[in-house]
């Protein structure tokens, strides 16, 4: 099995990663939203439109 971050062989202690460094990189991707999947549900799009209409525009 290879590490999904760098491709090296995995270490049992950090599986599915090869090291703590690669595990931390993966965790950071989860925490900053890099792995987020955009929603295509109609309710979500309606909510975004409602929020955009409610927020007052600021003058430049």
N, C-alpha and C. Protein backbone atom coordinates (compact mmCIF):
# COMPACT_ATOMS: atom_id res chain seq x y z
N UNK A 1 0.85 -1.17 0.00
CA UNK A 1 0.00 0.00 0.00
C UNK A 1 0.89 1.23 0.00
N UNK A 2 0.51 2.23 -0.79
CA UNK A 2 1.32 3.45 -0.86
C UNK A 2 0.59 4.61 -0.19
N UNK A 3 1.37 5.54 0.29
CA UNK A 3 0.86 6.73 0.98
C UNK A 3 0.08 7.59 -0.02
N UNK A 4 -1.16 8.02 0.33
CA UNK A 4 -1.94 8.84 -0.61
C UNK A 4 -1.38 10.25 -0.79
N UNK A 5 -0.49 10.69 0.08
CA UNK A 5 0.08 12.03 -0.03
C UNK A 5 1.34 12.04 -0.89
N UNK A 6 2.30 11.16 -0.57
CA UNK A 6 3.59 11.22 -1.28
C UNK A 6 3.89 9.98 -2.13
N UNK A 7 3.16 8.90 -1.95
CA UNK A 7 3.36 7.70 -2.75
C UNK A 7 4.36 6.70 -2.20
N UNK A 8 5.02 7.02 -1.08
CA UNK A 8 5.97 6.09 -0.45
C UNK A 8 5.21 4.92 0.18
N UNK A 9 5.96 3.86 0.54
CA UNK A 9 5.35 2.73 1.24
C UNK A 9 4.85 3.17 2.61
N UNK A 10 3.72 2.62 3.04
CA UNK A 10 3.15 3.03 4.32
C UNK A 10 3.87 2.37 5.49
N UNK A 11 3.79 3.03 6.63
CA UNK A 11 4.30 2.50 7.89
C UNK A 11 3.10 2.08 8.72
N UNK A 12 3.21 0.95 9.39
CA UNK A 12 2.09 0.41 10.16
C UNK A 12 1.57 1.42 11.19
N UNK A 13 2.45 2.14 11.83
CA UNK A 13 2.06 3.09 12.88
C UNK A 13 1.26 4.27 12.34
N UNK A 14 1.42 4.60 11.07
CA UNK A 14 0.76 5.78 10.49
C UNK A 14 -0.21 5.42 9.37
N UNK A 15 -0.48 4.15 9.19
CA UNK A 15 -1.30 3.69 8.08
C UNK A 15 -2.59 4.46 7.97
N UNK A 16 -3.00 4.95 6.85
CA UNK A 16 -2.55 4.64 5.50
C UNK A 16 -1.43 5.55 5.00
N UNK A 17 -0.77 6.27 5.90
CA UNK A 17 0.30 7.19 5.50
C UNK A 17 1.66 6.58 5.80
N UNK A 18 2.71 7.25 5.30
CA UNK A 18 4.07 6.75 5.51
C UNK A 18 4.72 7.37 6.74
N UNK A 19 4.20 8.51 7.19
CA UNK A 19 4.82 9.22 8.31
C UNK A 19 3.80 10.15 8.96
N UNK A 20 4.17 10.66 10.12
CA UNK A 20 3.32 11.63 10.81
C UNK A 20 3.18 12.89 9.96
N UNK A 21 4.24 13.27 9.24
CA UNK A 21 4.20 14.46 8.39
C UNK A 21 3.09 14.34 7.35
N UNK A 22 3.01 13.21 6.66
CA UNK A 22 1.97 13.03 5.63
C UNK A 22 0.58 12.97 6.28
N UNK A 23 0.48 12.36 7.45
CA UNK A 23 -0.80 12.32 8.16
C UNK A 23 -1.23 13.74 8.53
N UNK A 24 -0.29 14.57 8.96
CA UNK A 24 -0.60 15.96 9.31
C UNK A 24 -0.99 16.78 8.08
N UNK A 25 -0.35 16.53 6.96
CA UNK A 25 -0.71 17.22 5.72
C UNK A 25 -2.15 16.89 5.34
N UNK A 26 -2.51 15.62 5.45
CA UNK A 26 -3.87 15.20 5.13
C UNK A 26 -4.88 15.84 6.09
N UNK A 27 -4.55 15.87 7.38
CA UNK A 27 -5.44 16.50 8.36
C UNK A 27 -5.63 17.98 8.03
N UNK A 28 -4.56 18.65 7.66
CA UNK A 28 -4.66 20.07 7.31
C UNK A 28 -5.58 20.28 6.11
N UNK A 29 -5.52 19.37 5.15
CA UNK A 29 -6.40 19.48 3.98
C UNK A 29 -7.87 19.35 4.40
N UNK A 30 -8.15 18.45 5.34
CA UNK A 30 -9.52 18.31 5.84
C UNK A 30 -9.95 19.57 6.58
N UNK A 31 -9.08 20.10 7.43
CA UNK A 31 -9.44 21.24 8.26
C UNK A 31 -9.60 22.54 7.46
N UNK A 32 -8.85 22.72 6.37
CA UNK A 32 -8.99 23.96 5.61
C UNK A 32 -10.01 23.86 4.48
N UNK A 33 -10.64 22.69 4.34
CA UNK A 33 -11.71 22.55 3.36
C UNK A 33 -11.28 22.11 1.98
N UNK A 34 -10.04 21.70 1.81
CA UNK A 34 -9.57 21.25 0.50
C UNK A 34 -10.32 20.02 0.00
N UNK A 35 -10.82 19.21 0.91
CA UNK A 35 -11.52 17.99 0.52
C UNK A 35 -13.03 18.21 0.46
N UNK A 36 -13.51 19.41 0.58
CA UNK A 36 -14.94 19.67 0.56
C UNK A 36 -15.54 19.37 -0.81
N UNK A 37 -16.75 18.83 -0.78
CA UNK A 37 -17.48 18.53 -2.00
C UNK A 37 -18.60 19.55 -2.14
N UNK A 38 -18.63 20.30 -3.24
CA UNK A 38 -19.70 21.29 -3.40
C UNK A 38 -21.05 20.63 -3.52
N UNK A 39 -22.03 21.24 -2.93
CA UNK A 39 -23.39 20.70 -2.95
C UNK A 39 -24.11 21.14 -4.21
N UNK A 40 -24.91 20.26 -4.76
CA UNK A 40 -25.71 20.60 -5.92
C UNK A 40 -27.20 20.58 -5.58
N UNK A 41 -27.51 20.51 -4.28
CA UNK A 41 -28.90 20.48 -3.87
C UNK A 41 -29.54 21.84 -4.07
N UNK A 42 -30.78 21.83 -4.51
CA UNK A 42 -31.49 23.07 -4.81
C UNK A 42 -31.69 23.93 -3.57
N UNK A 43 -31.93 23.30 -2.39
CA UNK A 43 -32.14 24.08 -1.16
C UNK A 43 -30.89 24.89 -0.82
N UNK A 44 -29.71 24.30 -1.03
CA UNK A 44 -28.47 25.01 -0.72
C UNK A 44 -28.28 26.22 -1.63
N UNK A 45 -28.62 26.07 -2.89
CA UNK A 45 -28.49 27.19 -3.82
C UNK A 45 -29.47 28.31 -3.45
N UNK A 46 -30.69 27.91 -3.04
CA UNK A 46 -31.67 28.92 -2.63
C UNK A 46 -31.20 29.66 -1.38
N UNK A 47 -30.62 28.94 -0.43
CA UNK A 47 -30.12 29.56 0.79
C UNK A 47 -29.00 30.56 0.48
N UNK A 48 -28.12 30.21 -0.44
CA UNK A 48 -27.04 31.12 -0.81
C UNK A 48 -27.59 32.39 -1.45
N UNK A 49 -28.59 32.24 -2.29
CA UNK A 49 -29.21 33.42 -2.91
C UNK A 49 -29.88 34.30 -1.87
N UNK A 50 -30.57 33.68 -0.91
CA UNK A 50 -31.22 34.44 0.15
C UNK A 50 -30.19 35.21 0.97
N UNK A 51 -29.08 34.57 1.31
CA UNK A 51 -28.03 35.24 2.08
C UNK A 51 -27.44 36.41 1.31
N UNK A 52 -27.25 36.24 0.03
CA UNK A 52 -26.69 37.31 -0.79
C UNK A 52 -27.63 38.51 -0.85
N UNK A 53 -28.93 38.26 -0.86
CA UNK A 53 -29.90 39.34 -0.92
C UNK A 53 -30.02 40.07 0.42
N UNK A 54 -29.82 39.34 1.51
CA UNK A 54 -29.97 39.92 2.85
C UNK A 54 -28.77 40.78 3.22
N UNK A 55 -27.58 40.36 2.84
CA UNK A 55 -26.37 41.10 3.19
C UNK A 55 -26.39 42.48 2.52
N UNK A 56 -26.26 43.53 3.32
CA UNK A 56 -26.23 44.86 2.70
C UNK A 56 -24.89 45.07 2.00
N UNK A 57 -24.96 45.71 0.86
CA UNK A 57 -23.72 45.98 0.15
C UNK A 57 -23.05 47.20 0.77
N UNK A 58 -21.74 47.12 0.88
CA UNK A 58 -20.98 48.22 1.48
C UNK A 58 -20.49 49.14 0.38
N UNK A 59 -20.56 50.45 0.63
CA UNK A 59 -20.04 51.38 -0.38
C UNK A 59 -18.51 51.27 -0.45
N UNK A 60 -17.97 51.58 -1.57
CA UNK A 60 -16.53 51.48 -1.76
C UNK A 60 -15.82 52.62 -1.12
